[in-house]
Amino acid sequence: MALAEVLQGLGSSQTLLTVLSLTLGIITAYLFVNRSSSDRLPPPVKGNWPIIGPTSFWTRRWDFFQEAARHSINGHFSFHVGQHKVVGVTGDEGRKVFLESKQLDATAG
């Protein structure tokens, strides 16, 4: 009988709003806890939103890359796309790390 009352209560707008707020809060907390950066990552770019990352990455990629590299100290930067960490590198040293690193296996995906 208690379950039936709970299910009937879900129809009210206040209960639905509470459930949605709690769900959104849990998802946001989960993303922020998992988005902590390691010390080895370059500093993150500004506007790094939860789930979608920086919006300019999706709309103006080359402009985003140039702007992020320009604002970083050494030309390297990081951001998130969902829970994936993305690192942008520039220059000869960055290109060398990208092409010669054994940890970056292009065939593994």
N, C-alpha and C. Protein backbone atom coordinates (compact mmCIF):
# COMPACT_ATOMS: atom_id res chain seq x y z
N MET A 1 0.81 -1.19 0.00
CA MET A 1 0.00 0.00 0.00
C MET A 1 0.86 1.26 0.00
N ALA A 2 1.99 1.24 0.65
CA ALA A 2 2.87 2.40 0.70
C ALA A 2 3.45 2.69 -0.68
N LEU A 3 3.78 1.65 -1.44
CA LEU A 3 4.32 1.84 -2.78
C LEU A 3 3.28 2.49 -3.69
N ALA A 4 2.05 2.09 -3.56
CA ALA A 4 0.99 2.69 -4.36
C ALA A 4 0.84 4.18 -4.05
N GLU A 5 0.98 4.54 -2.78
CA GLU A 5 0.88 5.95 -2.40
C GLU A 5 2.06 6.76 -2.96
N VAL A 6 3.25 6.16 -2.95
CA VAL A 6 4.42 6.85 -3.50
C VAL A 6 4.24 7.06 -4.99
N LEU A 7 3.78 6.03 -5.71
CA LEU A 7 3.58 6.15 -7.14
C LEU A 7 2.51 7.18 -7.48
N GLN A 8 1.48 7.26 -6.66
CA GLN A 8 0.45 8.27 -6.88
C GLN A 8 1.01 9.66 -6.60
N GLY A 9 1.92 9.76 -5.63
CA GLY A 9 2.52 11.04 -5.28
C GLY A 9 3.44 11.57 -6.36
N LEU A 10 3.99 10.69 -7.20
CA LEU A 10 4.87 11.13 -8.27
C LEU A 10 4.14 11.98 -9.29
N GLY A 11 2.85 11.89 -9.31
CA GLY A 11 2.07 12.69 -10.24
C GLY A 11 2.01 14.15 -9.87
N SER A 12 2.26 14.49 -8.60
CA SER A 12 2.20 15.89 -8.20
C SER A 12 3.44 16.62 -8.69
N SER A 13 3.28 17.87 -9.02
CA SER A 13 4.39 18.64 -9.59
C SER A 13 5.51 18.87 -8.58
N GLN A 14 5.17 19.00 -7.30
CA GLN A 14 6.20 19.23 -6.29
C GLN A 14 7.09 18.00 -6.13
N THR A 15 6.52 16.83 -6.13
CA THR A 15 7.31 15.60 -6.00
C THR A 15 8.17 15.39 -7.24
N LEU A 16 7.61 15.62 -8.40
CA LEU A 16 8.36 15.47 -9.63
C LEU A 16 9.53 16.45 -9.68
N LEU A 17 9.30 17.69 -9.26
CA LEU A 17 10.36 18.68 -9.21
C LEU A 17 11.46 18.27 -8.23
N THR A 18 11.09 17.70 -7.11
CA THR A 18 12.07 17.24 -6.13
C THR A 18 12.91 16.09 -6.69
N VAL A 19 12.27 15.14 -7.34
CA VAL A 19 12.99 14.01 -7.92
C VAL A 19 13.94 14.48 -9.01
N LEU A 20 13.50 15.38 -9.87
CA LEU A 20 14.36 15.91 -10.92
C LEU A 20 15.53 16.71 -10.34
N SER A 21 15.28 17.50 -9.31
CA SER A 21 16.35 18.27 -8.69
C SER A 21 17.39 17.37 -8.05
N LEU A 22 16.95 16.34 -7.36
CA LEU A 22 17.90 15.40 -6.75
C LEU A 22 18.72 14.68 -7.81
N THR A 23 18.07 14.25 -8.88
CA THR A 23 18.77 13.57 -9.96
C THR A 23 19.82 14.47 -10.59
N LEU A 24 19.45 15.70 -10.89
CA LEU A 24 20.39 16.65 -11.47
C LEU A 24 21.54 16.94 -10.51
N GLY A 25 21.25 17.06 -9.23
CA GLY A 25 22.30 17.30 -8.23
C GLY A 25 23.27 16.14 -8.14
N ILE A 26 22.77 14.93 -8.18
CA ILE A 26 23.64 13.75 -8.11
C ILE A 26 24.52 13.66 -9.35
N ILE A 27 23.96 13.89 -10.52
CA ILE A 27 24.74 13.84 -11.76
C ILE A 27 25.82 14.92 -11.76
N THR A 28 25.47 16.12 -11.34
CA THR A 28 26.44 17.22 -11.30
C THR A 28 27.56 16.92 -10.32
N ALA A 29 27.21 16.44 -9.13
CA ALA A 29 28.24 16.09 -8.15
C ALA A 29 29.15 14.99 -8.67
N TYR A 30 28.59 14.00 -9.32
CA TYR A 30 29.38 12.90 -9.88
C TYR A 30 30.36 13.41 -10.92
N LEU A 31 29.91 14.30 -11.80
CA LEU A 31 30.79 14.83 -12.83
C LEU A 31 31.90 15.69 -12.25
N PHE A 32 31.58 16.51 -11.24
CA PHE A 32 32.60 17.37 -10.66
C PHE A 32 33.62 16.57 -9.86
N VAL A 33 33.20 15.52 -9.19
CA VAL A 33 34.14 14.70 -8.44
C VAL A 33 35.05 13.95 -9.39
N ASN A 34 34.51 13.41 -10.47
CA ASN A 34 35.31 12.66 -11.43
C ASN A 34 36.13 13.55 -12.36
N ARG A 35 35.88 14.83 -12.37
CA ARG A 35 36.60 15.73 -13.26
C ARG A 35 37.84 16.31 -12.60
N SER A 36 38.20 15.84 -11.42
CA SER A 36 39.40 16.36 -10.79
C SER A 36 40.60 16.01 -11.66
N SER A 37 41.47 16.95 -11.82
CA SER A 37 42.61 16.78 -12.71
C SER A 37 43.81 16.22 -11.96
N SER A 38 44.61 15.49 -12.68
CA SER A 38 45.86 15.04 -12.09
C SER A 38 46.88 16.17 -12.21
N ASP A 39 47.96 16.05 -11.50
CA ASP A 39 48.99 17.08 -11.52
C ASP A 39 49.73 17.13 -12.85
N ARG A 40 49.65 16.08 -13.62
CA ARG A 40 50.39 16.01 -14.87
C ARG A 40 49.64 16.64 -16.04
N LEU A 41 48.36 16.95 -15.87
CA LEU A 41 47.59 17.56 -16.96
C LEU A 41 47.87 19.06 -17.04
N PRO A 42 47.86 19.61 -18.25
CA PRO A 42 47.95 21.07 -18.38
C PRO A 42 46.70 21.71 -17.77
N PRO A 43 46.77 22.99 -17.48
CA PRO A 43 45.60 23.65 -16.86
C PRO A 43 44.39 23.62 -17.79
N PRO A 44 43.19 23.48 -17.22
CA PRO A 44 41.98 23.44 -18.06
C PRO A 44 41.65 24.82 -18.63
N VAL A 45 40.94 24.82 -19.74
CA VAL A 45 40.52 26.06 -20.38
C VAL A 45 39.34 26.66 -19.62
N LYS A 46 39.11 27.94 -19.85
CA LYS A 46 37.95 28.60 -19.24
C LYS A 46 36.69 28.16 -19.97
N GLY A 47 35.58 28.11 -19.25
CA GLY A 47 34.32 27.72 -19.86
C GLY A 47 34.18 26.22 -20.05
N ASN A 48 34.84 25.45 -19.23
CA ASN A 48 34.80 23.99 -19.32
C ASN A 48 33.56 23.49 -18.57
N TRP A 49 32.43 23.42 -19.25
CA TRP A 49 31.15 23.08 -18.64
C TRP A 49 31.04 21.57 -18.37
N PRO A 50 30.26 21.19 -17.36
CA PRO A 50 30.03 19.75 -17.14
C PRO A 50 29.32 19.14 -18.35
N ILE A 51 29.63 17.93 -18.63
CA ILE A 51 29.08 17.10 -19.70
C ILE A 51 29.51 17.58 -21.09
N ILE A 52 29.26 18.82 -21.47
CA ILE A 52 29.52 19.25 -22.85
C ILE A 52 30.92 19.83 -23.05
N GLY A 53 31.61 20.20 -21.98
CA GLY A 53 32.92 20.82 -22.12
C GLY A 53 32.77 22.26 -22.59
N PRO A 54 33.80 22.82 -23.19
CA PRO A 54 33.70 24.19 -23.70
C PRO A 54 32.82 24.25 -24.94
N THR A 55 31.89 25.17 -24.96
CA THR A 55 30.94 25.24 -26.08
C THR A 55 31.63 25.60 -27.39
N SER A 56 32.68 26.41 -27.32
CA SER A 56 33.35 26.79 -28.56
C SER A 56 34.08 25.60 -29.21
N PHE A 57 34.38 24.56 -28.44
CA PHE A 57 34.96 23.35 -29.03
C PHE A 57 34.00 22.73 -30.03
N TRP A 58 32.70 22.82 -29.76
CA TRP A 58 31.69 22.21 -30.63
C TRP A 58 31.30 23.12 -31.78
N THR A 59 31.49 24.42 -31.64
CA THR A 59 31.01 25.35 -32.67
C THR A 59 32.12 25.91 -33.54
N ARG A 60 33.28 26.21 -32.95
CA ARG A 60 34.40 26.82 -33.69
C ARG A 60 35.69 26.13 -33.27
N ARG A 61 35.95 24.95 -33.74
CA ARG A 61 37.08 24.14 -33.23
C ARG A 61 38.43 24.79 -33.44
N TRP A 62 38.73 25.26 -34.64
CA TRP A 62 40.05 25.82 -34.88
C TRP A 62 40.24 27.11 -34.09
N ASP A 63 39.22 27.95 -34.03
CA ASP A 63 39.29 29.17 -33.22
C ASP A 63 39.46 28.82 -31.75
N PHE A 64 38.75 27.80 -31.28
CA PHE A 64 38.88 27.36 -29.90
C PHE A 64 40.31 26.91 -29.61
N PHE A 65 40.87 26.10 -30.50
CA PHE A 65 42.23 25.60 -30.31
C PHE A 65 43.24 26.75 -30.26
N GLN A 66 43.15 27.67 -31.18
CA GLN A 66 44.08 28.80 -31.23
C GLN A 66 43.95 29.67 -29.98
N GLU A 67 42.73 29.94 -29.57
CA GLU A 67 42.51 30.78 -28.39
C GLU A 67 42.99 30.09 -27.11
N ALA A 68 42.72 28.80 -26.97
CA ALA A 68 43.16 28.07 -25.79
C ALA A 68 44.67 28.00 -25.72
N ALA A 69 45.33 27.78 -26.85
CA ALA A 69 46.79 27.73 -26.88
C ALA A 69 47.38 29.10 -26.58
N ARG A 70 46.77 30.14 -27.06
CA ARG A 70 47.26 31.50 -26.83
C ARG A 70 47.15 31.90 -25.36
N HIS A 71 46.10 31.44 -24.68
CA HIS A 71 45.88 31.81 -23.27
C HIS A 71 46.66 30.93 -22.30
N SER A 72 47.20 29.83 -22.76
CA SER A 72 47.96 28.97 -21.86
C SER A 72 49.41 29.46 -21.76
N ILE A 73 50.09 29.04 -20.73
CA ILE A 73 51.47 29.49 -20.50
C ILE A 73 52.42 28.91 -21.55
N ASN A 74 52.31 27.61 -21.79
CA ASN A 74 53.26 26.94 -22.68
C ASN A 74 52.62 26.41 -23.97
N GLY A 75 51.36 26.75 -24.23
CA GLY A 75 50.70 26.29 -25.44
C GLY A 75 49.94 25.00 -25.27
N HIS A 76 50.02 24.38 -24.09
CA HIS A 76 49.30 23.14 -23.83
C HIS A 76 48.11 23.45 -22.92
N PHE A 77 47.01 22.75 -23.14
CA PHE A 77 45.79 22.99 -22.37
C PHE A 77 45.01 21.70 -22.28
N SER A 78 44.00 21.68 -21.43
CA SER A 78 43.14 20.50 -21.29
C SER A 78 41.70 20.94 -21.11
N PHE A 79 40.80 20.02 -21.40
CA PHE A 79 39.37 20.24 -21.18
C PHE A 79 38.69 18.89 -21.15
N HIS A 80 37.41 18.89 -20.86
CA HIS A 80 36.64 17.65 -20.74
C HIS A 80 35.55 17.60 -21.79
N VAL A 81 35.32 16.43 -22.32
CA VAL A 81 34.17 16.14 -23.16
C VAL A 81 33.48 14.98 -22.46
N GLY A 82 32.40 15.28 -21.76
CA GLY A 82 31.79 14.28 -20.89
C GLY A 82 32.77 13.94 -19.78
N GLN A 83 33.10 12.70 -19.63
CA GLN A 83 34.07 12.31 -18.62
C GLN A 83 35.45 12.04 -19.22
N HIS A 84 35.62 12.32 -20.48
CA HIS A 84 36.90 12.11 -21.14
C HIS A 84 37.75 13.37 -21.03
N LYS A 85 38.99 13.19 -20.65
CA LYS A 85 39.93 14.30 -20.56
C LYS A 85 40.63 14.43 -21.91
N VAL A 86 40.64 15.65 -22.44
CA VAL A 86 41.27 15.93 -23.73
C VAL A 86 42.41 16.92 -23.48
N VAL A 87 43.56 16.64 -24.05
CA VAL A 87 44.73 17.49 -23.89
C VAL A 87 45.12 18.03 -25.26
N GLY A 88 45.28 19.34 -25.35
CA GLY A 88 45.74 19.98 -26.57
C GLY A 88 47.19 20.36 -26.42
N VAL A 89 48.01 20.01 -27.41
CA VAL A 89 49.43 20.33 -27.38
C VAL A 89 49.79 21.11 -28.63
N THR A 90 50.81 21.95 -28.54
CA THR A 90 51.27 22.75 -29.67
C THR A 90 52.78 22.69 -29.75
N GLY A 91 53.30 23.07 -30.86
CA GLY A 91 54.74 23.18 -31.04
C GLY A 91 55.40 21.85 -31.35
N ASP A 92 56.71 21.92 -31.55
CA ASP A 92 57.48 20.73 -31.92
C ASP A 92 57.52 19.70 -30.80
N GLU A 93 57.68 20.17 -29.56
CA GLU A 93 57.74 19.24 -28.43
C GLU A 93 56.40 18.52 -28.25
N GLY A 94 55.30 19.24 -28.36
CA GLY A 94 53.99 18.61 -28.25
C GLY A 94 53.73 17.61 -29.36
N ARG A 95 54.14 17.96 -30.56
CA ARG A 95 53.99 17.05 -31.70
C ARG A 95 54.82 15.79 -31.49
N LYS A 96 56.03 15.95 -30.95
CA LYS A 96 56.90 14.81 -30.70
C LYS A 96 56.29 13.88 -29.66
N VAL A 97 55.75 14.45 -28.58
CA VAL A 97 55.10 13.63 -27.54
C VAL A 97 53.91 12.89 -28.12
N PHE A 98 53.12 13.59 -28.93
CA PHE A 98 51.93 12.98 -29.51
C PHE A 98 52.28 11.83 -30.45
N LEU A 99 53.28 12.00 -31.27
CA LEU A 99 53.61 10.98 -32.28
C LEU A 99 54.46 9.85 -31.75
N GLU A 100 55.27 10.10 -30.72
CA GLU A 100 56.21 9.08 -30.27
C GLU A 100 55.84 8.42 -28.95
N SER A 101 54.81 8.87 -28.29
CA SER A 101 54.45 8.30 -26.98
C SER A 101 53.91 6.88 -27.15
N LYS A 102 54.44 5.97 -26.38
CA LYS A 102 53.98 4.58 -26.42
C LYS A 102 52.62 4.44 -25.74
N GLN A 103 52.25 5.39 -24.89
CA GLN A 103 50.97 5.33 -24.20
C GLN A 103 49.82 5.75 -25.10
N LEU A 104 50.10 6.46 -26.17
CA LEU A 104 49.06 6.90 -27.10
C LEU A 104 49.04 5.95 -28.30
N ASP A 105 48.21 4.95 -28.23
CA ASP A 105 48.13 3.94 -29.28
C ASP A 105 46.94 4.26 -30.17
N ALA A 106 47.22 4.72 -31.37
CA ALA A 106 46.15 5.11 -32.30
C ALA A 106 45.32 3.91 -32.74
N THR A 107 45.89 2.73 -32.74
CA THR A 107 45.14 1.56 -33.19
C THR A 107 44.20 1.02 -32.12
N ALA A 108 44.43 1.42 -30.86
CA ALA A 108 43.57 0.94 -29.77
C ALA A 108 42.29 1.78 -29.65
N GLY A 109 42.26 2.95 -30.25
CA GLY A 109 41.07 3.79 -30.20
C GLY A 109 41.11 4.73 -29.12
